[in-house]
Amino acid sequence: MVLHPVQCDGCNRDSFLGFRYKCQRCYNYQLCQDCFWRGRVSGSHTNQHEMKEYAVYKSPSKQLGHSLRKSFRCVPDRPSRGLPQFPDEPERTLDLAHIV
């Protein structure tokens, strides 16, 4: 089991073991496994909102590091060499008349 060092918005427990459920509509709304299974809600959150289940905890600094690493993967390794080079003469066309 994993320890989630966040507060459950259903029972106000400061940290909890088990799965963590995060609302996809309400900003920073998280429930512990017990509150989620019992249907406990608070504030403007309802049971109709889509929730995402988390079995691991990533600290905000780890999430930022992961995001930066993903962003830098998109950067090309070598700088581009300027404009593409085109031949002075166009290539000869192929005669495809024999293909039916």
N, C-alpha and C. Protein backbone atom coordinates (compact mmCIF):
# COMPACT_ATOMS: atom_id res chain seq x y z
N MET A 1 0.83 -1.19 0.00
CA MET A 1 0.00 0.00 0.00
C MET A 1 0.88 1.25 0.00
N VAL A 2 0.36 2.29 -0.58
CA VAL A 2 1.12 3.53 -0.68
C VAL A 2 0.52 4.58 0.26
N LEU A 3 1.39 5.41 0.80
CA LEU A 3 0.96 6.51 1.67
C LEU A 3 0.83 7.77 0.82
N HIS A 4 -0.33 8.39 0.86
CA HIS A 4 -0.57 9.64 0.14
C HIS A 4 -0.51 10.78 1.15
N PRO A 5 0.50 11.65 1.06
CA PRO A 5 0.64 12.75 2.03
C PRO A 5 -0.20 13.97 1.66
N VAL A 6 -1.48 13.75 1.40
CA VAL A 6 -2.41 14.83 1.07
C VAL A 6 -3.63 14.70 1.97
N GLN A 7 -4.44 15.74 2.03
CA GLN A 7 -5.64 15.71 2.87
C GLN A 7 -6.83 15.22 2.07
N CYS A 8 -7.58 14.30 2.65
CA CYS A 8 -8.83 13.84 2.05
C CYS A 8 -9.89 14.92 2.26
N ASP A 9 -10.57 15.30 1.18
CA ASP A 9 -11.59 16.34 1.29
C ASP A 9 -12.92 15.81 1.82
N GLY A 10 -13.05 14.48 1.96
CA GLY A 10 -14.27 13.91 2.51
C GLY A 10 -14.23 13.82 4.02
N CYS A 11 -13.12 13.30 4.58
CA CYS A 11 -13.02 13.10 6.03
C CYS A 11 -11.95 13.97 6.68
N ASN A 12 -11.24 14.76 5.89
CA ASN A 12 -10.18 15.68 6.36
C ASN A 12 -8.99 14.97 6.99
N ARG A 13 -8.80 13.69 6.69
CA ARG A 13 -7.61 12.98 7.15
C ARG A 13 -6.39 13.56 6.44
N ASP A 14 -5.32 13.85 7.20
CA ASP A 14 -4.15 14.53 6.62
C ASP A 14 -3.34 13.66 5.67
N SER A 15 -3.19 12.40 5.94
CA SER A 15 -2.52 11.49 5.01
C SER A 15 -3.18 10.12 5.19
N PHE A 16 -3.13 9.32 4.14
CA PHE A 16 -3.86 8.05 4.20
C PHE A 16 -3.19 7.00 3.33
N LEU A 17 -3.48 5.74 3.66
CA LEU A 17 -2.99 4.59 2.91
C LEU A 17 -4.05 4.13 1.94
N GLY A 18 -3.63 3.46 0.88
CA GLY A 18 -4.57 2.91 -0.10
C GLY A 18 -4.65 3.76 -1.35
N PHE A 19 -5.73 3.60 -2.07
CA PHE A 19 -5.92 4.36 -3.30
C PHE A 19 -6.33 5.79 -2.97
N ARG A 20 -5.98 6.69 -3.88
CA ARG A 20 -6.39 8.09 -3.79
C ARG A 20 -7.22 8.39 -5.03
N TYR A 21 -8.27 9.14 -4.87
CA TYR A 21 -9.16 9.48 -5.98
C TYR A 21 -9.20 10.99 -6.14
N LYS A 22 -8.90 11.44 -7.36
CA LYS A 22 -8.84 12.87 -7.63
C LYS A 22 -9.93 13.24 -8.64
N CYS A 23 -10.69 14.29 -8.32
CA CYS A 23 -11.77 14.74 -9.19
C CYS A 23 -11.18 15.40 -10.44
N GLN A 24 -11.79 15.08 -11.58
CA GLN A 24 -11.34 15.65 -12.84
C GLN A 24 -12.02 16.99 -13.15
N ARG A 25 -12.98 17.39 -12.31
CA ARG A 25 -13.67 18.67 -12.52
C ARG A 25 -13.36 19.70 -11.44
N CYS A 26 -13.30 19.25 -10.19
CA CYS A 26 -13.05 20.17 -9.08
C CYS A 26 -11.55 20.31 -8.87
N TYR A 27 -11.07 21.53 -8.78
CA TYR A 27 -9.64 21.78 -8.62
C TYR A 27 -9.16 21.24 -7.28
N ASN A 28 -8.14 20.39 -7.31
CA ASN A 28 -7.45 19.89 -6.13
C ASN A 28 -8.39 19.20 -5.14
N TYR A 29 -9.40 18.49 -5.63
CA TYR A 29 -10.33 17.75 -4.77
C TYR A 29 -9.92 16.28 -4.78
N GLN A 30 -9.58 15.76 -3.59
CA GLN A 30 -9.08 14.40 -3.48
C GLN A 30 -9.80 13.66 -2.37
N LEU A 31 -10.06 12.38 -2.60
CA LEU A 31 -10.72 11.54 -1.61
C LEU A 31 -9.86 10.32 -1.31
N CYS A 32 -9.93 9.87 -0.05
CA CYS A 32 -9.28 8.62 0.30
C CYS A 32 -10.16 7.48 -0.22
N GLN A 33 -9.63 6.29 -0.16
CA GLN A 33 -10.33 5.11 -0.64
C GLN A 33 -11.65 4.89 0.12
N ASP A 34 -11.63 5.05 1.43
CA ASP A 34 -12.85 4.84 2.24
C ASP A 34 -13.96 5.82 1.85
N CYS A 35 -13.63 7.10 1.74
CA CYS A 35 -14.65 8.10 1.38
C CYS A 35 -15.19 7.87 -0.02
N PHE A 36 -14.31 7.50 -0.95
CA PHE A 36 -14.75 7.25 -2.32
C PHE A 36 -15.73 6.08 -2.36
N TRP A 37 -15.38 4.98 -1.71
CA TRP A 37 -16.24 3.79 -1.73
C TRP A 37 -17.57 4.03 -1.01
N ARG A 38 -17.57 4.90 0.00
CA ARG A 38 -18.80 5.18 0.74
C ARG A 38 -19.63 6.29 0.10
N GLY A 39 -19.09 6.93 -0.92
CA GLY A 39 -19.83 7.99 -1.62
C GLY A 39 -19.87 9.30 -0.86
N ARG A 40 -18.92 9.50 0.05
CA ARG A 40 -18.88 10.74 0.84
C ARG A 40 -18.36 11.88 -0.04
N VAL A 41 -19.03 13.02 0.00
CA VAL A 41 -18.62 14.19 -0.77
C VAL A 41 -18.71 15.43 0.12
N SER A 42 -18.11 16.51 -0.34
CA SER A 42 -18.18 17.78 0.38
C SER A 42 -18.10 18.92 -0.61
N GLY A 43 -18.49 20.10 -0.16
CA GLY A 43 -18.41 21.29 -1.02
C GLY A 43 -19.27 21.16 -2.25
N SER A 44 -18.76 21.65 -3.38
CA SER A 44 -19.52 21.62 -4.63
C SER A 44 -19.30 20.33 -5.41
N HIS A 45 -18.51 19.41 -4.87
CA HIS A 45 -18.25 18.14 -5.55
C HIS A 45 -19.48 17.23 -5.44
N THR A 46 -19.77 16.49 -6.52
CA THR A 46 -20.86 15.51 -6.49
C THR A 46 -20.33 14.16 -6.94
N ASN A 47 -21.10 13.11 -6.68
CA ASN A 47 -20.72 11.76 -7.10
C ASN A 47 -20.81 11.59 -8.61
N GLN A 48 -21.37 12.55 -9.31
CA GLN A 48 -21.49 12.47 -10.77
C GLN A 48 -20.18 12.87 -11.46
N HIS A 49 -19.28 13.52 -10.75
CA HIS A 49 -18.01 13.95 -11.34
C HIS A 49 -17.11 12.75 -11.59
N GLU A 50 -16.37 12.81 -12.68
CA GLU A 50 -15.42 11.75 -13.00
C GLU A 50 -14.22 11.85 -12.07
N MET A 51 -13.81 10.69 -11.54
CA MET A 51 -12.67 10.62 -10.62
C MET A 51 -11.59 9.76 -11.25
N LYS A 52 -10.35 10.09 -10.96
CA LYS A 52 -9.21 9.31 -11.43
C LYS A 52 -8.56 8.64 -10.23
N GLU A 53 -8.26 7.35 -10.37
CA GLU A 53 -7.69 6.58 -9.27
C GLU A 53 -6.16 6.61 -9.35
N TYR A 54 -5.52 6.83 -8.20
CA TYR A 54 -4.06 6.85 -8.12
C TYR A 54 -3.60 5.81 -7.12
N ALA A 55 -2.72 4.91 -7.56
CA ALA A 55 -2.16 3.89 -6.68
C ALA A 55 -0.79 4.30 -6.19
N VAL A 56 -0.20 5.33 -6.77
CA VAL A 56 1.11 5.84 -6.36
C VAL A 56 0.99 7.34 -6.12
N TYR A 57 1.94 7.87 -5.36
CA TYR A 57 1.94 9.31 -5.11
C TYR A 57 3.18 9.92 -5.74
N LYS A 58 2.98 10.94 -6.55
CA LYS A 58 4.08 11.72 -7.12
C LYS A 58 4.02 13.10 -6.50
N SER A 59 5.13 13.51 -5.90
CA SER A 59 5.17 14.84 -5.32
C SER A 59 5.13 15.88 -6.44
N PRO A 60 4.69 17.10 -6.15
CA PRO A 60 4.66 18.14 -7.20
C PRO A 60 6.02 18.35 -7.86
N SER A 61 7.12 18.22 -7.09
CA SER A 61 8.44 18.42 -7.70
C SER A 61 8.76 17.29 -8.67
N LYS A 62 8.35 16.06 -8.36
CA LYS A 62 8.57 14.95 -9.30
C LYS A 62 7.72 15.13 -10.55
N GLN A 63 6.48 15.62 -10.38
CA GLN A 63 5.62 15.85 -11.53
C GLN A 63 6.22 16.92 -12.44
N LEU A 64 6.77 17.97 -11.85
CA LEU A 64 7.40 19.04 -12.63
C LEU A 64 8.61 18.50 -13.37
N GLY A 65 9.43 17.71 -12.70
CA GLY A 65 10.61 17.12 -13.34
C GLY A 65 10.22 16.23 -14.50
N HIS A 66 9.18 15.42 -14.31
CA HIS A 66 8.71 14.54 -15.38
C HIS A 66 8.20 15.37 -16.56
N SER A 67 7.46 16.43 -16.28
CA SER A 67 6.93 17.29 -17.33
C SER A 67 8.06 17.95 -18.13
N LEU A 68 9.08 18.42 -17.42
CA LEU A 68 10.22 19.05 -18.11
C LEU A 68 10.96 18.04 -18.97
N ARG A 69 11.17 16.83 -18.45
CA ARG A 69 11.85 15.80 -19.25
C ARG A 69 11.06 15.49 -20.51
N LYS A 70 9.73 15.39 -20.39
CA LYS A 70 8.90 15.14 -21.56
C LYS A 70 9.01 16.27 -22.56
N SER A 71 9.04 17.51 -22.08
CA SER A 71 9.13 18.67 -22.97
C SER A 71 10.44 18.68 -23.73
N PHE A 72 11.53 18.35 -23.06
CA PHE A 72 12.83 18.40 -23.71
C PHE A 72 13.03 17.27 -24.71
N ARG A 73 12.22 16.22 -24.63
CA ARG A 73 12.31 15.16 -25.63
C ARG A 73 11.88 15.65 -27.00
N CYS A 74 11.08 16.70 -27.04
CA CYS A 74 10.58 17.24 -28.31
C CYS A 74 11.60 18.15 -28.99
N VAL A 75 12.63 18.56 -28.28
CA VAL A 75 13.64 19.45 -28.85
C VAL A 75 14.55 18.64 -29.77
N PRO A 76 14.77 19.08 -31.00
CA PRO A 76 15.66 18.33 -31.90
C PRO A 76 17.09 18.31 -31.36
N ASP A 77 17.79 17.20 -31.62
CA ASP A 77 19.16 17.04 -31.14
C ASP A 77 20.13 17.99 -31.83
N ARG A 78 19.96 18.17 -33.12
CA ARG A 78 20.88 19.02 -33.89
C ARG A 78 20.12 20.23 -34.44
N PRO A 79 20.79 21.35 -34.53
CA PRO A 79 20.12 22.50 -35.14
C PRO A 79 19.88 22.24 -36.62
N SER A 80 18.81 22.80 -37.15
CA SER A 80 18.53 22.62 -38.57
C SER A 80 19.59 23.33 -39.40
N ARG A 81 19.82 22.84 -40.58
CA ARG A 81 20.88 23.38 -41.44
C ARG A 81 20.37 24.46 -42.39
N GLY A 82 19.35 25.15 -42.01
CA GLY A 82 18.84 26.21 -42.89
C GLY A 82 17.79 25.69 -43.84
N LEU A 83 17.69 26.33 -44.99
CA LEU A 83 16.69 25.96 -45.98
C LEU A 83 17.08 24.68 -46.70
N PRO A 84 16.10 23.90 -47.15
CA PRO A 84 16.42 22.67 -47.89
C PRO A 84 17.05 22.99 -49.24
N GLN A 85 17.90 22.10 -49.71
CA GLN A 85 18.58 22.26 -51.00
C GLN A 85 17.77 21.57 -52.09
N PHE A 86 17.51 22.27 -53.19
CA PHE A 86 16.78 21.71 -54.31
C PHE A 86 17.72 21.63 -55.51
N PRO A 87 17.53 20.61 -56.38
CA PRO A 87 18.39 20.50 -57.57
C PRO A 87 18.11 21.64 -58.56
N ASP A 88 19.13 21.96 -59.36
CA ASP A 88 18.96 23.01 -60.37
C ASP A 88 17.99 22.59 -61.46
N GLU A 89 18.03 21.33 -61.86
CA GLU A 89 17.17 20.79 -62.91
C GLU A 89 16.13 19.86 -62.27
N PRO A 90 14.88 19.90 -62.73
CA PRO A 90 13.90 18.94 -62.20
C PRO A 90 14.24 17.52 -62.62
N GLU A 91 13.80 16.55 -61.82
CA GLU A 91 14.06 15.15 -62.15
C GLU A 91 13.23 14.76 -63.36
N ARG A 92 13.74 13.77 -64.10
CA ARG A 92 12.99 13.27 -65.26
C ARG A 92 11.75 12.56 -64.76
N THR A 93 10.65 12.74 -65.49
CA THR A 93 9.42 12.06 -65.12
C THR A 93 9.47 10.62 -65.60
N LEU A 94 8.76 9.75 -64.91
CA LEU A 94 8.69 8.35 -65.31
C LEU A 94 7.57 8.16 -66.31
N ASP A 95 7.81 7.30 -67.30
CA ASP A 95 6.78 6.96 -68.28
C ASP A 95 5.99 5.79 -67.72
N LEU A 96 4.77 6.04 -67.29
CA LEU A 96 3.93 5.00 -66.70
C LEU A 96 2.84 4.54 -67.67
N ALA A 97 3.02 4.79 -68.97
CA ALA A 97 2.01 4.45 -69.97
C ALA A 97 1.82 2.94 -70.07
N HIS A 98 2.85 2.15 -69.77
CA HIS A 98 2.75 0.70 -69.92
C HIS A 98 2.00 0.04 -68.74
N ILE A 99 1.73 0.80 -67.68
CA ILE A 99 1.02 0.25 -66.53
C ILE A 99 -0.48 0.42 -66.75
N VAL A 100 -1.20 -0.67 -66.62
CA VAL A 100 -2.65 -0.64 -66.85
C VAL A 100 -3.39 -0.66 -65.55
